Amino acid sequence: MSLTNLSFIQQFTGNDPVKAKKYISMFLASAPGLVSKMEHAIEISDFDTLRINAHSLKPLISYMGIATLEQPIKDIESYAANTTNVDTLRAMLEAFKIEIEKAIEELKVKEASL
């Protein structure tokens, strides 16, 4: 089952594969770093940095059509902003990381096929 749905990108780019590839490449260049920053932030209990990076990642997830991660990233951002459910944030982030890594691999394949 596909984790990503590029229909937004296809519509946004007018089905131009060169432009679509550019946006996928931008996602692939930025998402891993944002996730890494989120991991570091939670390690040092820097909830503001966690919130900022989750907020930055949120639209990128939507653009790539990763529907299964839209709610988790909103929850991570919200919990970090309010410093609520702190005990579950680590587990949430770990589960999020596993899924986004799968989506990243899927997008690499889609990017290569454009």
C-alpha atoms as a PDB file:
ATOM      1  CA  MET A   1       0.000   0.000   0.000  1.00  0.00           C
ATOM      2  CA  SER A   2       1.290   3.428  -0.945  1.00  0.00           C
ATOM      3  CA  LEU A   3       1.977   5.888   1.876  1.00  0.00           C
ATOM      4  CA  THR A   4       2.216   8.858  -0.471  1.00  0.00           C
ATOM      5  CA  ASN A   5      -0.244  10.383  -2.898  1.00  0.00           C
ATOM      6  CA  LEU A   6       1.196  12.870  -5.337  1.00  0.00           C
ATOM      7  CA  SER A   7      -2.130  14.127  -6.684  1.00  0.00           C
ATOM      8  CA  PHE A   8      -1.657  17.523  -4.966  1.00  0.00           C
ATOM      9  CA  ILE A   9       1.824  17.900  -6.468  1.00  0.00           C
ATOM     10  CA  GLN A  10       0.581  16.784  -9.887  1.00  0.00           C
ATOM     11  CA  GLN A  11      -2.252  19.304  -9.763  1.00  0.00           C
ATOM     12  CA  PHE A  12      -0.013  22.036  -8.342  1.00  0.00           C
ATOM     13  CA  THR A  13       2.587  21.517 -11.097  1.00  0.00           C
ATOM     14  CA  GLY A  14       0.079  21.031 -13.900  1.00  0.00           C
ATOM     15  CA  ASN A  15       1.319  17.449 -14.320  1.00  0.00           C
ATOM     16  CA  ASP A  16       4.800  18.715 -15.174  1.00  0.00           C
ATOM     17  CA  PRO A  17       7.160  15.871 -14.169  1.00  0.00           C
ATOM     18  CA  VAL A  18      10.179  18.196 -13.985  1.00  0.00           C
ATOM     19  CA  LYS A  19       8.431  20.482 -11.491  1.00  0.00           C
ATOM     20  CA  ALA A  20       6.994  17.525  -9.557  1.00  0.00           C
ATOM     21  CA  LYS A  21      10.467  16.024  -9.293  1.00  0.00           C
ATOM     22  CA  LYS A  22      11.764  19.385  -7.996  1.00  0.00           C
ATOM     23  CA  TYR A  23       9.186  19.464  -5.182  1.00  0.00           C
ATOM     24  CA  ILE A  24       9.813  15.839  -4.262  1.00  0.00           C
ATOM     25  CA  SER A  25      13.560  16.565  -4.184  1.00  0.00           C
ATOM     26  CA  MET A  26      12.956  19.553  -1.903  1.00  0.00           C
ATOM     27  CA  PHE A  27      10.965  17.342   0.461  1.00  0.00           C
ATOM     28  CA  LEU A  28      13.652  14.658   0.413  1.00  0.00           C
ATOM     29  CA  ALA A  29      16.309  17.276   1.146  1.00  0.00           C
ATOM     30  CA  SER A  30      14.501  18.871   4.082  1.00  0.00           C
ATOM     31  CA  ALA A  31      12.352  16.235   5.816  1.00  0.00           C
ATOM     32  CA  PRO A  32      15.153  14.043   7.233  1.00  0.00           C
ATOM     33  CA  GLY A  33      16.866  17.079   8.761  1.00  0.00           C
ATOM     34  CA  LEU A  34      13.649  18.304  10.343  1.00  0.00           C
ATOM     35  CA  VAL A  35      13.007  14.860  11.834  1.00  0.00           C
ATOM     36  CA  SER A  36      16.571  14.765  13.155  1.00  0.00           C
ATOM     37  CA  LYS A  37      16.102  18.194  14.762  1.00  0.00           C
ATOM     38  CA  MET A  38      12.862  16.976  16.330  1.00  0.00           C
ATOM     39  CA  GLU A  39      14.637  13.944  17.773  1.00  0.00           C
ATOM     40  CA  HIS A  40      17.390  16.090  19.228  1.00  0.00           C
ATOM     41  CA  ALA A  41      14.862  18.548  20.644  1.00  0.00           C
ATOM     42  CA  ILE A  42      12.971  15.841  22.467  1.00  0.00           C
ATOM     43  CA  GLU A  43      16.215  14.379  23.838  1.00  0.00           C
ATOM     44  CA  ILE A  44      17.002  17.699  25.513  1.00  0.00           C
ATOM     45  CA  SER A  45      13.351  18.508  26.346  1.00  0.00           C
ATOM     46  CA  ASP A  46      13.376  21.570  24.067  1.00  0.00           C
ATOM     47  CA  PHE A  47       9.660  21.555  23.327  1.00  0.00           C
ATOM     48  CA  ASP A  48       9.689  24.890  21.523  1.00  0.00           C
ATOM     49  CA  THR A  49      12.207  23.620  18.959  1.00  0.00           C
ATOM     50  CA  LEU A  50      10.224  20.405  18.646  1.00  0.00           C
ATOM     51  CA  ARG A  51       7.073  22.432  17.972  1.00  0.00           C
ATOM     52  CA  ILE A  52       8.783  24.678  15.410  1.00  0.00           C
ATOM     53  CA  ASN A  53      10.199  21.759  13.445  1.00  0.00           C
ATOM     54  CA  ALA A  54       6.931  19.814  13.574  1.00  0.00           C
ATOM     55  CA  HIS A  55       5.147  22.927  12.320  1.00  0.00           C
ATOM     56  CA  SER A  56       7.652  23.228   9.446  1.00  0.00           C
ATOM     57  CA  LEU A  57       7.180  19.594   8.480  1.00  0.00           C
ATOM     58  CA  LYS A  58       3.375  19.679   8.612  1.00  0.00           C
ATOM     59  CA  PRO A  59       2.704  21.294   5.198  1.00  0.00           C
ATOM     60  CA  LEU A  60       5.403  19.207   3.528  1.00  0.00           C
ATOM     61  CA  ILE A  61       3.627  16.056   4.664  1.00  0.00           C
ATOM     62  CA  SER A  62       0.378  17.359   3.207  1.00  0.00           C
ATOM     63  CA  TYR A  63       1.997  18.295  -0.100  1.00  0.00           C
ATOM     64  CA  MET A  64       3.405  14.783  -0.475  1.00  0.00           C
ATOM     65  CA  GLY A  65       0.021  13.278   0.377  1.00  0.00           C
ATOM     66  CA  ILE A  66       1.236  11.340   3.410  1.00  0.00           C
ATOM     67  CA  ALA A  67      -2.238  11.224   4.927  1.00  0.00           C
ATOM     68  CA  THR A  68      -1.323   8.739   7.672  1.00  0.00           C
ATOM     69  CA  LEU A  69       1.135  11.249   9.158  1.00  0.00           C
ATOM     70  CA  GLU A  70      -1.013  14.385   9.020  1.00  0.00           C
ATOM     71  CA  GLN A  71      -2.672  13.818  12.396  1.00  0.00           C
ATOM     72  CA  PRO A  72       0.437  12.524  14.176  1.00  0.00           C
ATOM     73  CA  ILE A  73       2.482  15.595  13.196  1.00  0.00           C
ATOM     74  CA  LYS A  74      -0.372  17.876  14.328  1.00  0.00           C
ATOM     75  CA  ASP A  75      -0.486  16.031  17.658  1.00  0.00           C
ATOM     76  CA  ILE A  76       3.286  16.251  18.110  1.00  0.00           C
ATOM     77  CA  GLU A  77       3.176  19.981  17.385  1.00  0.00           C
ATOM     78  CA  SER A  78       0.255  20.515  19.755  1.00  0.00           C
ATOM     79  CA  TYR A  79       1.696  18.453  22.610  1.00  0.00           C
ATOM     80  CA  ALA A  80       5.034  20.212  22.260  1.00  0.00           C
ATOM     81  CA  ALA A  81       3.368  23.640  22.209  1.00  0.00           C
ATOM     82  CA  ASN A  82       1.364  22.896  25.338  1.00  0.00           C
ATOM     83  CA  THR A  83       3.941  20.589  26.939  1.00  0.00           C
ATOM     84  CA  THR A  84       1.141  18.058  27.410  1.00  0.00           C
ATOM     85  CA  ASN A  85       1.415  14.288  27.061  1.00  0.00           C
ATOM     86  CA  VAL A  86       5.176  14.695  27.331  1.00  0.00           C
ATOM     87  CA  ASP A  87       5.555  11.058  28.362  1.00  0.00           C
ATOM     88  CA  THR A  88       3.999   9.877  25.104  1.00  0.00           C
ATOM     89  CA  LEU A  89       5.825  12.348  22.845  1.00  0.00           C
ATOM     90  CA  ARG A  90       8.926  10.154  22.573  1.00  0.00           C
ATOM     91  CA  ALA A  91       6.897   7.128  21.495  1.00  0.00           C
ATOM     92  CA  MET A  92       4.847   9.246  19.117  1.00  0.00           C
ATOM     93  CA  LEU A  93       7.976  10.689  17.542  1.00  0.00           C
ATOM     94  CA  GLU A  94       9.546   7.234  17.214  1.00  0.00           C
ATOM     95  CA  ALA A  95       6.445   5.857  15.477  1.00  0.00           C
ATOM     96  CA  PHE A  96       6.315   8.978  13.286  1.00  0.00           C
ATOM     97  CA  LYS A  97       9.980   8.543  12.329  1.00  0.00           C
ATOM     98  CA  ILE A  98       9.444   4.934  11.244  1.00  0.00           C
ATOM     99  CA  GLU A  99       6.541   5.912   9.000  1.00  0.00           C
ATOM    100  CA  ILE A 100       8.172   8.978   7.485  1.00  0.00           C
ATOM    101  CA  GLU A 101      11.274   6.942   6.664  1.00  0.00           C
ATOM    102  CA  LYS A 102       9.049   4.523   4.725  1.00  0.00           C
ATOM    103  CA  ALA A 103       7.423   7.458   2.917  1.00  0.00           C
ATOM    104  CA  ILE A 104      10.852   8.933   2.117  1.00  0.00           C
ATOM    105  CA  GLU A 105      11.955   5.649   0.526  1.00  0.00           C
ATOM    106  CA  GLU A 106       8.731   5.515  -1.466  1.00  0.00           C
ATOM    107  CA  LEU A 107       9.222   9.089  -2.668  1.00  0.00           C
ATOM    108  CA  LYS A 108      12.790   8.321  -3.742  1.00  0.00           C
ATOM    109  CA  VAL A 109      11.415   5.612  -6.025  1.00  0.00           C
ATOM    110  CA  LYS A 110       8.691   7.928  -7.368  1.00  0.00           C
ATOM    111  CA  GLU A 111      11.229  10.714  -7.912  1.00  0.00           C
ATOM    112  CA  ALA A 112      13.499   8.378  -9.876  1.00  0.00           C
ATOM    113  CA  SER A 113      10.606   7.320 -12.107  1.00  0.00           C
ATOM    114  CA  LEU A 114       9.760  10.892 -13.152  1.00  0.00           C
END
